[in-house]
């Protein structure tokens, strides 16, 4: 199975879960990790500009990674998935949790 197929299966399962478990619009918490040497931190946070997102960061104990917790109110599961896809397309070294 291709990684694209795996991604689409993941997003379908996520959408089904969000539709079943959440009343929309709702707050959603994204978690991302970037290497602390990454130059893409500003690019990551800019994806959530204008949405009223609350962004907090934390440096790992070793200082090699920086985690981002991004809490934002979105209108539906499709908006959640759209942001995941946008981050994945624009940020090469991001880890999504």
C-alpha atoms as a PDB file:
ATOM      1  CA  UNK A   1       0.000   0.000   0.000  1.00  0.00           C
ATOM      2  CA  UNK A   2       1.352   3.449  -0.856  1.00  0.00           C
ATOM      3  CA  UNK A   3       2.017   6.149   1.708  1.00  0.00           C
ATOM      4  CA  UNK A   4      -0.605   8.295  -0.047  1.00  0.00           C
ATOM      5  CA  UNK A   5      -3.173   5.553   0.514  1.00  0.00           C
ATOM      6  CA  UNK A   6      -2.090   5.263   4.145  1.00  0.00           C
ATOM      7  CA  UNK A   7      -2.488   9.033   4.550  1.00  0.00           C
ATOM      8  CA  UNK A   8      -5.951   9.032   3.021  1.00  0.00           C
ATOM      9  CA  UNK A   9      -6.996   6.121   5.243  1.00  0.00           C
ATOM     10  CA  UNK A  10      -5.658   8.000   8.279  1.00  0.00           C
ATOM     11  CA  UNK A  11      -7.559  11.180   7.372  1.00  0.00           C
ATOM     12  CA  UNK A  12     -10.791   9.271   6.706  1.00  0.00           C
ATOM     13  CA  UNK A  13     -10.540   7.551  10.099  1.00  0.00           C
ATOM     14  CA  UNK A  14      -9.736  10.881  11.797  1.00  0.00           C
ATOM     15  CA  UNK A  15     -12.716  12.574  10.126  1.00  0.00           C
ATOM     16  CA  UNK A  16     -15.060   9.767  11.187  1.00  0.00           C
ATOM     17  CA  UNK A  17     -13.772   9.966  14.757  1.00  0.00           C
ATOM     18  CA  UNK A  18     -14.069  13.762  14.911  1.00  0.00           C
ATOM     19  CA  UNK A  19     -17.607  13.665  13.537  1.00  0.00           C
ATOM     20  CA  UNK A  20     -18.641  11.060  16.097  1.00  0.00           C
ATOM     21  CA  UNK A  21     -16.920  12.514  19.163  1.00  0.00           C
ATOM     22  CA  UNK A  22     -17.053  16.289  18.751  1.00  0.00           C
ATOM     23  CA  UNK A  23     -19.737  18.919  18.462  1.00  0.00           C
ATOM     24  CA  UNK A  24     -18.714  21.492  15.828  1.00  0.00           C
ATOM     25  CA  UNK A  25     -17.514  24.233  15.769  1.00  0.00           C
ATOM     26  CA  UNK A  26     -14.992  23.207  18.400  1.00  0.00           C
ATOM     27  CA  UNK A  27     -11.508  23.797  19.754  1.00  0.00           C
ATOM     28  CA  UNK A  28      -8.915  21.440  18.315  1.00  0.00           C
ATOM     29  CA  UNK A  29      -5.419  20.884  19.675  1.00  0.00           C
ATOM     30  CA  UNK A  30      -2.679  20.255  17.136  1.00  0.00           C
ATOM     31  CA  UNK A  31       0.716  18.977  18.256  1.00  0.00           C
ATOM     32  CA  UNK A  32       3.773  19.270  16.048  1.00  0.00           C
ATOM     33  CA  UNK A  33       7.490  18.722  16.570  1.00  0.00           C
ATOM     34  CA  UNK A  34      10.320  20.370  14.651  1.00  0.00           C
ATOM     35  CA  UNK A  35      14.070  20.039  15.050  1.00  0.00           C
ATOM     36  CA  UNK A  36      15.216  23.005  17.134  1.00  0.00           C
ATOM     37  CA  UNK A  37      17.566  23.950  14.278  1.00  0.00           C
ATOM     38  CA  UNK A  38      14.671  24.197  11.811  1.00  0.00           C
ATOM     39  CA  UNK A  39      14.122  27.461  10.002  1.00  0.00           C
ATOM     40  CA  UNK A  40      10.458  26.577   9.432  1.00  0.00           C
ATOM     41  CA  UNK A  41       9.082  27.581  12.830  1.00  0.00           C
ATOM     42  CA  UNK A  42       7.693  30.879  11.537  1.00  0.00           C
ATOM     43  CA  UNK A  43       6.213  29.114   8.517  1.00  0.00           C
ATOM     44  CA  UNK A  44       4.436  26.626  10.790  1.00  0.00           C
ATOM     45  CA  UNK A  45       2.890  29.296  12.986  1.00  0.00           C
ATOM     46  CA  UNK A  46       1.902  31.433   9.978  1.00  0.00           C
ATOM     47  CA  UNK A  47      -0.360  28.626   8.731  1.00  0.00           C
ATOM     48  CA  UNK A  48      -2.596  29.387  11.725  1.00  0.00           C
ATOM     49  CA  UNK A  49      -2.488  33.206  11.396  1.00  0.00           C
ATOM     50  CA  UNK A  50      -5.851  34.921  11.465  1.00  0.00           C
ATOM     51  CA  UNK A  51      -7.594  31.999  13.166  1.00  0.00           C
ATOM     52  CA  UNK A  52      -7.158  33.157  16.759  1.00  0.00           C
ATOM     53  CA  UNK A  53      -4.881  30.218  17.499  1.00  0.00           C
ATOM     54  CA  UNK A  54      -3.164  29.957  20.862  1.00  0.00           C
ATOM     55  CA  UNK A  55       0.342  28.625  20.285  1.00  0.00           C
ATOM     56  CA  UNK A  56       2.668  27.368  22.980  1.00  0.00           C
ATOM     57  CA  UNK A  57       6.134  25.907  22.505  1.00  0.00           C
ATOM     58  CA  UNK A  58       8.422  23.727  24.540  1.00  0.00           C
ATOM     59  CA  UNK A  59      12.061  22.771  24.001  1.00  0.00           C
ATOM     60  CA  UNK A  60      12.949  19.116  24.536  1.00  0.00           C
ATOM     61  CA  UNK A  61      15.164  18.160  27.458  1.00  0.00           C
ATOM     62  CA  UNK A  62      18.130  17.640  25.129  1.00  0.00           C
ATOM     63  CA  UNK A  63      17.381  20.808  23.156  1.00  0.00           C
ATOM     64  CA  UNK A  64      17.231  18.946  19.854  1.00  0.00           C
ATOM     65  CA  UNK A  65      13.498  19.398  19.260  1.00  0.00           C
ATOM     66  CA  UNK A  66      10.839  22.010  19.792  1.00  0.00           C
ATOM     67  CA  UNK A  67       7.197  21.043  20.281  1.00  0.00           C
ATOM     68  CA  UNK A  68       4.272  23.203  19.271  1.00  0.00           C
ATOM     69  CA  UNK A  69       0.807  22.964  20.808  1.00  0.00           C
ATOM     70  CA  UNK A  70      -1.671  24.908  18.712  1.00  0.00           C
ATOM     71  CA  UNK A  71      -5.226  25.307  19.974  1.00  0.00           C
ATOM     72  CA  UNK A  72      -7.667  26.741  17.480  1.00  0.00           C
ATOM     73  CA  UNK A  73     -11.448  26.859  17.004  1.00  0.00           C
ATOM     74  CA  UNK A  74     -12.451  25.257  13.717  1.00  0.00           C
ATOM     75  CA  UNK A  75     -15.819  24.801  12.066  1.00  0.00           C
ATOM     76  CA  UNK A  76     -15.690  21.099  11.141  1.00  0.00           C
ATOM     77  CA  UNK A  77     -13.481  18.011  10.726  1.00  0.00           C
ATOM     78  CA  UNK A  78     -12.641  18.990   7.141  1.00  0.00           C
ATOM     79  CA  UNK A  79     -11.034  22.200   8.437  1.00  0.00           C
ATOM     80  CA  UNK A  80      -8.926  20.146  10.888  1.00  0.00           C
ATOM     81  CA  UNK A  81      -7.733  17.826   8.143  1.00  0.00           C
ATOM     82  CA  UNK A  82      -7.089  20.695   5.768  1.00  0.00           C
ATOM     83  CA  UNK A  83      -4.642  22.261   8.238  1.00  0.00           C
ATOM     84  CA  UNK A  84      -2.841  18.939   8.762  1.00  0.00           C
ATOM     85  CA  UNK A  85      -2.436  18.593   4.995  1.00  0.00           C
ATOM     86  CA  UNK A  86      -1.278  22.208   4.618  1.00  0.00           C
ATOM     87  CA  UNK A  87       1.370  21.757   7.310  1.00  0.00           C
ATOM     88  CA  UNK A  88       2.543  18.494   5.744  1.00  0.00           C
ATOM     89  CA  UNK A  89       2.794  20.078   2.303  1.00  0.00           C
ATOM     90  CA  UNK A  90       4.674  23.205   3.413  1.00  0.00           C
ATOM     91  CA  UNK A  91       6.918  21.982   6.260  1.00  0.00           C
ATOM     92  CA  UNK A  92       9.361  19.251   5.262  1.00  0.00           C
ATOM     93  CA  UNK A  93      10.774  18.243   8.652  1.00  0.00           C
ATOM     94  CA  UNK A  94       7.626  18.383  10.796  1.00  0.00           C
ATOM     95  CA  UNK A  95       6.317  15.508  12.909  1.00  0.00           C
ATOM     96  CA  UNK A  96       2.559  15.594  13.470  1.00  0.00           C
ATOM     97  CA  UNK A  97       1.152  13.980  16.602  1.00  0.00           C
END
